[in-house]
Amino acid sequence: LVNVSGAAVMKSAHNVDGAQKFLAYLVSERAQKLMAQNHISYEYPLRPGVASDPINKPFDQLKPPALTIQQLGDDSQAGKLLRQAGLL
């Protein structure tokens, strides 16, 4: 299974400038190396030139299941919980 990580600044953020700086850090060479090469998250790096952790298969060798969004199911309950928690 291939799971995509993402990050964004929420509309309701109290510190937009700080959040944008944090996002910029996450895609910096330093952070990408930390996440990709130090057994922290086993992420595939987004930044060109940053090598993946050797434990990870090369990205082009992954064989994700052929699933459609419809097959994954209805996520409306997850959205409801996120709204109740004030995250959306």
N, C-alpha and C. Protein backbone atom coordinates (compact mmCIF):
# COMPACT_ATOMS: atom_id res chain seq x y z
N LEU A 1 0.85 -1.18 0.00
CA LEU A 1 0.00 0.00 0.00
C LEU A 1 0.88 1.23 0.00
N VAL A 2 0.58 2.19 -0.82
CA VAL A 2 1.28 3.46 -0.85
C VAL A 2 0.38 4.49 -0.21
N ASN A 3 0.86 5.12 0.84
CA ASN A 3 0.10 6.13 1.56
C ASN A 3 0.79 7.47 1.36
N VAL A 4 0.07 8.47 0.97
CA VAL A 4 0.64 9.78 0.69
C VAL A 4 0.54 10.66 1.92
N SER A 5 1.65 11.28 2.28
CA SER A 5 1.66 12.24 3.38
C SER A 5 1.46 13.63 2.80
N GLY A 6 0.84 14.48 3.55
CA GLY A 6 0.63 15.84 3.09
C GLY A 6 0.68 16.82 4.24
N ALA A 7 0.83 18.07 3.92
CA ALA A 7 0.84 19.13 4.93
C ALA A 7 0.26 20.38 4.30
N ALA A 8 -0.37 21.18 5.12
CA ALA A 8 -0.98 22.42 4.64
C ALA A 8 -1.17 23.37 5.80
N VAL A 9 -1.39 24.61 5.49
CA VAL A 9 -1.74 25.61 6.50
C VAL A 9 -3.26 25.72 6.50
N MET A 10 -3.84 25.46 7.64
CA MET A 10 -5.30 25.50 7.75
C MET A 10 -5.79 26.95 7.73
N LYS A 11 -6.96 27.14 7.19
CA LYS A 11 -7.57 28.47 7.12
C LYS A 11 -7.71 29.08 8.51
N SER A 12 -7.94 28.25 9.51
CA SER A 12 -8.14 28.72 10.88
C SER A 12 -6.85 28.83 11.68
N ALA A 13 -5.69 28.69 11.03
CA ALA A 13 -4.40 28.74 11.74
C ALA A 13 -4.23 30.06 12.48
N HIS A 14 -3.73 29.97 13.70
CA HIS A 14 -3.49 31.18 14.50
C HIS A 14 -2.15 31.83 14.16
N ASN A 15 -1.23 31.06 13.61
CA ASN A 15 0.10 31.58 13.29
C ASN A 15 0.46 31.15 11.87
N VAL A 16 -0.14 31.82 10.91
CA VAL A 16 0.05 31.47 9.50
C VAL A 16 1.52 31.57 9.10
N ASP A 17 2.19 32.63 9.53
CA ASP A 17 3.60 32.82 9.17
C ASP A 17 4.45 31.67 9.71
N GLY A 18 4.23 31.31 10.96
CA GLY A 18 4.98 30.20 11.56
C GLY A 18 4.67 28.88 10.86
N ALA A 19 3.41 28.68 10.51
CA ALA A 19 3.01 27.45 9.82
C ALA A 19 3.67 27.37 8.45
N GLN A 20 3.72 28.49 7.73
CA GLN A 20 4.35 28.49 6.41
C GLN A 20 5.86 28.24 6.53
N LYS A 21 6.47 28.79 7.57
CA LYS A 21 7.91 28.54 7.79
C LYS A 21 8.15 27.06 8.10
N PHE A 22 7.25 26.46 8.88
CA PHE A 22 7.38 25.04 9.20
C PHE A 22 7.25 24.19 7.93
N LEU A 23 6.29 24.53 7.07
CA LEU A 23 6.14 23.79 5.81
C LEU A 23 7.39 23.94 4.95
N ALA A 24 7.95 25.14 4.92
CA ALA A 24 9.17 25.35 4.15
C ALA A 24 10.31 24.50 4.71
N TYR A 25 10.37 24.40 6.03
CA TYR A 25 11.39 23.54 6.65
C TYR A 25 11.18 22.08 6.27
N LEU A 26 9.93 21.61 6.28
CA LEU A 26 9.65 20.21 5.97
C LEU A 26 10.16 19.80 4.59
N VAL A 27 10.18 20.72 3.65
CA VAL A 27 10.68 20.39 2.30
C VAL A 27 12.13 20.82 2.09
N SER A 28 12.77 21.31 3.16
CA SER A 28 14.18 21.68 3.05
C SER A 28 15.04 20.43 2.92
N GLU A 29 16.23 20.59 2.42
CA GLU A 29 17.13 19.45 2.26
C GLU A 29 17.40 18.78 3.61
N ARG A 30 17.62 19.58 4.64
CA ARG A 30 17.92 19.03 5.98
C ARG A 30 16.77 18.15 6.49
N ALA A 31 15.56 18.67 6.44
CA ALA A 31 14.41 17.91 6.95
C ALA A 31 14.14 16.68 6.10
N GLN A 32 14.27 16.82 4.79
CA GLN A 32 14.03 15.67 3.92
C GLN A 32 15.04 14.55 4.20
N LYS A 33 16.29 14.92 4.45
CA LYS A 33 17.30 13.92 4.80
C LYS A 33 16.97 13.27 6.14
N LEU A 34 16.57 14.07 7.12
CA LEU A 34 16.22 13.52 8.43
C LEU A 34 15.09 12.51 8.33
N MET A 35 14.05 12.87 7.59
CA MET A 35 12.89 11.98 7.47
C MET A 35 13.18 10.76 6.61
N ALA A 36 14.00 10.92 5.60
CA ALA A 36 14.22 9.83 4.64
C ALA A 36 15.34 8.88 5.04
N GLN A 37 16.31 9.35 5.81
CA GLN A 37 17.51 8.55 5.99
C GLN A 37 17.83 8.16 7.43
N ASN A 38 17.05 8.56 8.39
CA ASN A 38 17.40 8.31 9.79
C ASN A 38 16.41 7.43 10.51
N HIS A 39 15.75 6.56 9.80
CA HIS A 39 14.79 5.62 10.40
C HIS A 39 13.75 6.35 11.25
N ILE A 40 13.35 7.54 10.82
CA ILE A 40 12.33 8.30 11.54
C ILE A 40 10.95 7.97 10.99
N SER A 41 10.79 8.09 9.70
CA SER A 41 9.45 7.89 9.13
C SER A 41 9.44 6.98 7.90
N TYR A 42 10.59 6.65 7.38
CA TYR A 42 10.69 5.82 6.17
C TYR A 42 9.93 6.43 5.00
N GLU A 43 9.90 7.75 4.95
CA GLU A 43 9.25 8.46 3.85
C GLU A 43 10.17 8.44 2.63
N TYR A 44 9.55 8.48 1.47
CA TYR A 44 10.31 8.72 0.25
C TYR A 44 10.47 10.23 0.14
N PRO A 45 11.70 10.71 -0.04
CA PRO A 45 11.90 12.16 -0.07
C PRO A 45 11.25 12.82 -1.28
N LEU A 46 10.75 14.00 -1.04
CA LEU A 46 10.15 14.81 -2.09
C LEU A 46 11.23 15.58 -2.85
N ARG A 47 12.26 15.94 -2.15
CA ARG A 47 13.30 16.80 -2.71
C ARG A 47 14.26 16.01 -3.60
N PRO A 48 14.46 16.48 -4.84
CA PRO A 48 15.43 15.81 -5.73
C PRO A 48 16.82 15.82 -5.10
N GLY A 49 17.55 14.75 -5.29
CA GLY A 49 18.91 14.66 -4.78
C GLY A 49 19.02 14.10 -3.37
N VAL A 50 17.90 13.90 -2.69
CA VAL A 50 17.91 13.31 -1.35
C VAL A 50 17.60 11.83 -1.51
N ALA A 51 18.52 11.00 -1.06
CA ALA A 51 18.34 9.55 -1.20
C ALA A 51 17.36 9.02 -0.17
N SER A 52 16.64 8.00 -0.55
CA SER A 52 15.71 7.33 0.35
C SER A 52 16.48 6.40 1.28
N ASP A 53 15.85 6.02 2.39
CA ASP A 53 16.43 5.05 3.30
C ASP A 53 16.66 3.75 2.52
N PRO A 54 17.82 3.13 2.64
CA PRO A 54 18.10 1.90 1.90
C PRO A 54 17.11 0.77 2.18
N ILE A 55 16.42 0.82 3.32
CA ILE A 55 15.44 -0.22 3.64
C ILE A 55 14.21 -0.13 2.73
N ASN A 56 13.96 1.06 2.18
CA ASN A 56 12.82 1.24 1.28
C ASN A 56 13.13 0.67 -0.11
N LYS A 57 12.15 0.00 -0.68
CA LYS A 57 12.29 -0.42 -2.07
C LYS A 57 12.35 0.82 -2.94
N PRO A 58 13.06 0.76 -4.05
CA PRO A 58 13.00 1.89 -4.98
C PRO A 58 11.54 2.16 -5.35
N PHE A 59 11.20 3.43 -5.40
CA PHE A 59 9.80 3.82 -5.62
C PHE A 59 9.22 3.19 -6.88
N ASP A 60 10.02 3.09 -7.92
CA ASP A 60 9.50 2.53 -9.18
C ASP A 60 9.30 1.01 -9.12
N GLN A 61 9.70 0.37 -8.03
CA GLN A 61 9.48 -1.07 -7.87
C GLN A 61 8.26 -1.38 -7.00
N LEU A 62 7.64 -0.37 -6.44
CA LEU A 62 6.45 -0.59 -5.62
C LEU A 62 5.29 -1.01 -6.51
N LYS A 63 4.46 -1.87 -5.99
CA LYS A 63 3.29 -2.33 -6.73
C LYS A 63 2.05 -2.11 -5.88
N PRO A 64 1.57 -0.86 -5.86
CA PRO A 64 0.39 -0.58 -5.04
C PRO A 64 -0.84 -1.28 -5.60
N PRO A 65 -1.77 -1.64 -4.73
CA PRO A 65 -3.00 -2.28 -5.22
C PRO A 65 -3.79 -1.32 -6.10
N ALA A 66 -4.47 -1.86 -7.06
CA ALA A 66 -5.29 -1.05 -7.97
C ALA A 66 -6.63 -0.77 -7.30
N LEU A 67 -6.68 0.27 -6.50
CA LEU A 67 -7.91 0.65 -5.81
C LEU A 67 -8.40 1.99 -6.33
N THR A 68 -9.69 2.12 -6.38
CA THR A 68 -10.28 3.41 -6.71
C THR A 68 -10.73 4.08 -5.42
N ILE A 69 -10.99 5.36 -5.48
CA ILE A 69 -11.50 6.08 -4.32
C ILE A 69 -12.81 5.44 -3.86
N GLN A 70 -13.62 5.02 -4.79
CA GLN A 70 -14.90 4.40 -4.43
C GLN A 70 -14.68 3.10 -3.65
N GLN A 71 -13.66 2.36 -3.99
CA GLN A 71 -13.39 1.11 -3.29
C GLN A 71 -12.87 1.34 -1.87
N LEU A 72 -12.26 2.48 -1.65
CA LEU A 72 -11.75 2.79 -0.31
C LEU A 72 -12.88 3.08 0.67
N GLY A 73 -14.00 3.52 0.15
CA GLY A 73 -15.16 3.71 1.01
C GLY A 73 -15.48 5.16 1.30
N ASP A 74 -16.53 5.33 2.04
CA ASP A 74 -17.06 6.64 2.40
C ASP A 74 -16.30 7.18 3.60
N ASP A 75 -15.71 8.35 3.44
CA ASP A 75 -14.96 8.93 4.56
C ASP A 75 -15.71 10.07 5.23
N SER A 76 -17.01 10.15 5.02
CA SER A 76 -17.78 11.26 5.59
C SER A 76 -17.74 11.25 7.12
N GLN A 77 -17.68 10.06 7.72
CA GLN A 77 -17.61 9.99 9.18
C GLN A 77 -16.29 10.57 9.69
N ALA A 78 -15.21 10.33 8.97
CA ALA A 78 -13.92 10.90 9.35
C ALA A 78 -13.98 12.42 9.28
N GLY A 79 -14.59 12.95 8.23
CA GLY A 79 -14.75 14.40 8.11
C GLY A 79 -15.58 14.97 9.24
N LYS A 80 -16.62 14.27 9.62
CA LYS A 80 -17.48 14.70 10.72
C LYS A 80 -16.67 14.77 12.02
N LEU A 81 -15.86 13.75 12.28
CA LEU A 81 -15.03 13.74 13.48
C LEU A 81 -14.01 14.87 13.47
N LEU A 82 -13.42 15.15 12.31
CA LEU A 82 -12.46 16.25 12.20
C LEU A 82 -13.13 17.59 12.47
N ARG A 83 -14.37 17.76 11.97
CA ARG A 83 -15.10 19.00 12.23
C ARG A 83 -15.45 19.12 13.72
N GLN A 84 -15.87 18.03 14.33
CA GLN A 84 -16.19 18.05 15.76
C GLN A 84 -14.98 18.41 16.61
N ALA A 85 -13.82 17.98 16.17
CA ALA A 85 -12.58 18.27 16.89
C ALA A 85 -12.06 19.68 16.59
N GLY A 86 -12.73 20.39 15.67
CA GLY A 86 -12.30 21.73 15.33
C GLY A 86 -11.12 21.78 14.38
N LEU A 87 -10.85 20.68 13.71
CA LEU A 87 -9.71 20.62 12.80
C LEU A 87 -10.08 21.00 11.37
N LEU A 88 -11.36 21.05 11.07
CA LEU A 88 -11.84 21.47 9.75
C LEU A 88 -12.83 22.59 9.91
